[in-house]
Protein backbone atom coordinates (compact mmCIF):
# COMPACT_ATOMS: atom_id res chain seq x y z
CA MET A 1 24.13 -15.52 2.56
CA LYS A 2 25.83 -12.60 0.80
CA ILE A 3 23.44 -10.96 -1.65
CA LYS A 4 24.85 -7.46 -2.23
CA ASP A 5 27.18 -7.42 -5.22
CA ASP A 6 27.40 -4.53 -7.71
CA SER A 7 28.46 -6.82 -10.57
CA MET A 8 25.26 -8.84 -10.24
CA LYS A 9 21.64 -8.09 -11.11
CA LEU A 10 18.35 -9.61 -10.01
CA CYS A 11 15.86 -11.03 -12.44
CA VAL A 12 12.71 -13.10 -12.21
CA LEU A 13 12.15 -15.72 -14.92
CA VAL A 14 9.53 -18.37 -15.61
CA ASN A 15 12.05 -21.10 -16.38
CA GLU A 16 15.35 -22.38 -15.09
CA ILE A 17 18.65 -21.24 -16.60
CA LYS A 18 22.26 -22.34 -16.06
CA TYR A 19 22.57 -20.34 -12.83
CA GLU A 20 21.38 -21.60 -9.47
CA PRO A 21 18.18 -19.77 -8.52
CA LEU A 22 18.11 -17.91 -5.23
CA TYR A 23 14.48 -18.79 -4.80
CA GLU A 24 11.59 -20.51 -6.57
CA LYS A 25 7.89 -20.04 -5.88
CA TYR A 26 4.79 -20.73 -7.99
CA GLY A 27 6.86 -21.55 -11.06
CA LEU A 28 8.83 -18.31 -10.93
CA TYR A 29 12.59 -18.22 -10.36
CA LEU A 30 14.55 -15.42 -8.72
CA TYR A 31 18.13 -15.23 -10.00
CA LYS A 32 21.15 -13.15 -9.20
CA ILE A 33 23.19 -13.17 -12.36
CA PRO A 34 26.13 -11.18 -13.78
CA ILE A 35 25.07 -7.87 -15.29
CA ASN A 36 26.50 -8.82 -18.72
CA GLU A 37 24.22 -11.90 -18.74
CA TYR A 38 21.12 -10.07 -17.52
CA LYS A 39 19.87 -8.65 -20.85
CA LYS A 40 20.80 -11.83 -22.73
CA GLN A 41 18.71 -13.94 -20.36
CA LEU A 42 15.73 -11.61 -20.51
CA LEU A 43 15.82 -11.56 -24.33
CA LYS A 44 16.42 -15.30 -24.59
CA ASN A 45 13.58 -16.14 -22.19
CA ASN A 46 11.27 -13.51 -23.73
CA VAL A 47 9.50 -12.99 -20.41
CA ASN A 48 7.11 -10.13 -19.74
CA LEU A 49 6.46 -10.39 -16.02
CA ASP A 50 4.73 -7.44 -14.47
CA ILE A 51 6.41 -5.47 -11.72
CA GLU A 52 4.06 -6.86 -9.06
CA GLN A 53 5.21 -10.43 -9.77
CA CYS A 54 8.87 -9.42 -9.56
CA ALA A 55 8.32 -7.37 -6.40
CA TYR A 56 6.42 -10.25 -4.82
CA MET A 57 9.29 -12.64 -5.53
CA CYS A 58 11.82 -10.30 -3.91
CA TYR A 59 9.55 -9.73 -0.90
CA SER A 60 8.94 -13.49 -0.58
CA PHE A 61 12.68 -14.21 -0.76
CA ALA A 62 13.32 -11.70 2.03
CA ILE A 63 10.67 -13.13 4.32
CA ASP A 64 10.86 -16.85 3.47
CA ILE A 65 14.61 -17.35 3.00
CA LEU A 66 16.59 -14.44 4.42
CA HIS A 67 14.23 -13.61 7.28
CA SER A 68 15.69 -10.12 7.05
CA ARG A 69 16.28 -7.17 4.76
CA PHE A 70 17.02 -7.85 1.08
CA GLU A 71 18.80 -4.69 -0.08
CA LEU A 72 19.39 -5.81 -3.66
CA GLY A 73 15.69 -6.54 -4.07
CA GLU A 74 14.54 -3.20 -2.70
CA GLU A 75 14.93 -1.47 -6.07
CA ILE A 76 12.31 -3.88 -7.42
CA ILE A 77 10.05 -4.06 -4.34
CA CYS A 78 9.78 -0.26 -4.15
CA ASN A 79 7.81 -0.13 -7.42
CA CYS A 80 4.81 -1.99 -6.03
CA PRO A 81 2.59 -0.41 -3.33
CA ARG A 82 1.34 -3.63 -1.73
CA ASN A 83 4.72 -5.39 -1.62
CA SER A 84 6.43 -2.24 -0.34
CA TYR A 85 3.91 -2.14 2.49
CA TYR A 86 4.34 -5.85 3.29
CA TYR A 87 8.12 -5.49 3.17
CA ALA A 88 7.99 -2.57 5.63
CA LEU A 89 5.57 -4.37 7.94
CA HIS A 90 6.87 -7.94 7.88
CA VAL A 91 10.55 -7.62 7.00
CA LEU A 92 11.83 -4.23 8.14
CA GLY A 93 9.40 -3.71 10.99
CA SER A 94 9.60 0.00 10.24
CA LYS A 95 9.14 2.46 7.41
CA PHE A 96 10.41 1.70 3.93
CA GLU A 97 11.31 5.12 2.52
CA LEU A 98 12.24 3.77 -0.90
CA GLY A 99 8.73 2.34 -1.32
CA GLU A 100 6.78 5.30 0.03
CA LYS A 101 6.28 6.91 -3.39
CA ALA A 102 4.52 3.76 -4.67
CA ILE A 103 2.59 3.29 -1.42
CA SER A 104 1.38 6.90 -1.58
CA LYS A 105 -0.48 6.25 -4.84
CA ASP A 106 -2.90 3.68 -3.37
CA ALA A 107 -5.53 4.71 -0.79
CA GLU A 108 -5.86 1.33 0.90
CA THR A 109 -2.13 0.68 1.11
CA GLY A 110 -1.40 4.24 2.22
CA TYR A 111 -3.94 3.95 5.02
CA GLU A 112 -2.59 0.56 6.16
CA TYR A 113 1.00 1.82 6.01
CA ALA A 114 0.10 4.81 8.21
CA LEU A 115 -1.85 2.65 10.66
CA ASN A 116 0.37 -0.42 10.94
CA VAL A 117 3.89 0.75 10.07
CA LEU A 118 4.22 4.47 10.78
CA LYS A 119 1.57 4.47 13.50
CA SER A 120 1.05 8.13 12.58
CA ARG A 121 0.10 10.29 9.62
CA PHE A 122 1.45 9.45 6.18
CA LEU A 123 1.53 12.90 4.59
CA LEU A 124 2.76 11.65 1.23
CA GLY A 125 -0.23 9.30 0.96
CA GLU A 126 -2.96 11.66 2.12
CA GLU A 127 -3.89 12.82 -1.38
CA ALA A 128 -4.73 9.27 -2.53
CA ILE A 129 -6.46 8.45 0.76
CA SER A 130 -8.55 11.62 0.49
CA LYS A 131 -10.15 10.44 -2.75
CA ASN A 132 -11.73 7.39 -1.09
CA SER A 133 -14.59 7.88 1.36
CA MET A 134 -14.04 4.68 3.32
CA TYR A 135 -10.29 5.16 3.77
CA SER A 136 -10.73 8.86 4.54
CA VAL A 137 -13.06 8.02 7.43
CA SER A 138 -10.82 5.17 8.60
CA TYR A 139 -7.75 7.41 8.41
CA ALA A 140 -9.50 10.11 10.44
CA ILE A 141 -10.62 7.62 13.11
CA ASP A 142 -7.65 5.25 13.33
CA VAL A 143 -4.65 7.40 12.41
CA MET A 144 -5.41 11.09 12.92
CA HIS A 145 -7.90 10.66 15.77
CA SER A 146 -9.43 13.90 14.49
CA ARG A 147 -10.93 15.57 11.46
CA PHE A 148 -9.43 14.79 8.03
CA GLU A 149 -10.40 17.87 6.03
CA LEU A 150 -8.67 16.74 2.85
CA GLY A 151 -10.96 13.69 2.67
CA GLU A 152 -14.24 15.43 3.50
CA GLU A 153 -15.29 15.96 -0.10
CA ALA A 154 -15.04 12.22 -0.81
CA ILE A 155 -16.78 11.40 2.47
CA SER A 156 -19.65 13.76 1.60
CA ARG A 157 -20.50 11.61 -1.45
CA ASP A 158 -21.43 8.55 0.65
CA SER A 159 -24.28 8.83 3.16
CA MET A 160 -23.12 5.95 5.35
CA TYR A 161 -19.60 7.38 5.70
CA CYS A 162 -21.08 10.84 6.31
CA LEU A 163 -22.94 9.44 9.29
CA ILE A 164 -19.92 7.53 10.62
CA TYR A 165 -17.71 10.60 10.21
CA ALA A 166 -20.23 12.83 11.99
CA GLU A 167 -20.64 10.38 14.86
CA GLU A 168 -17.10 9.00 15.30
CA VAL A 169 -14.92 11.95 14.32
CA LEU A 170 -16.83 15.23 14.50
CA LYS A 171 -19.10 14.14 17.35
CA GLY A 172 -21.75 16.34 15.76
CA ARG A 173 -22.88 17.82 12.47
CA PHE A 174 -21.13 17.22 9.17
CA LEU A 175 -22.46 20.12 7.16
CA LEU A 176 -20.83 19.10 3.88
CA GLY A 177 -22.59 15.71 4.01
CA GLU A 178 -26.05 16.79 5.14
CA LYS A 179 -27.54 16.99 1.63
CA ARG A 180 -26.48 13.38 0.96
CA ILE A 181 -27.69 12.20 4.38
CA LYS A 182 -31.07 13.89 3.85
CA GLN A 183 -31.57 11.81 0.69
CA SER A 184 -30.73 8.54 2.45
CA GLY A 185 -32.10 6.12 4.99
CA TYR A 186 -29.67 7.53 7.56
CA CYS A 187 -31.55 10.82 7.93
CA LYS A 188 -33.44 9.93 11.15
CA VAL A 189 -30.30 8.52 12.79
CA TYR A 190 -28.38 11.67 11.89
CA GLU A 191 -31.14 13.92 13.19
CA LYS A 192 -31.16 12.02 16.48
CA LEU A 193 -27.36 12.24 16.71
CA THR A 194 -27.15 15.97 15.99
CA GLY A 195 -30.50 17.27 17.20
CA VAL A 196 -30.98 18.95 13.81
CA THR A 197 -33.98 18.43 11.53
CA LEU A 198 -32.95 18.09 7.90
């Protein structure tokens, strides 16, 4: 099926129009229509679909129908972190550079992209990951296999993740998190782990 055509544009609508849809799912229709018809159809149908719905339709078309890359849909998919990640993982089987900017803005998706797609650090996503204690610890353990200094401030705000980080990553004391650990139920476990009395 030939999809790439510069005189055509993709759109997702909630109702059928005179063109044959490429794909239909959950009452949404994915069309490839002439560029001169594109704005007319959007105005006529008065549809305000969010970018996630449109990206999901393009991703679904790639995986359900094409079973391969959907280049024309990539300009839509790349705006949504979750669908960019799924597209990279399930369709491309490798990194999706066009979607990395969106992926980098979400801690969970950035972590999963690093772990499951890149299988290494995702530098562009580390800032977002570093703001979340759970994903900072997971990133340090599963991706970096070492200390994740950028995420230590967020980790230090959660006593459970302080303990996990000290035990699984640092294999010893986590000085930045000791004040939080001291105020928690994890204090005795930490003291036993490190040999330090708080």
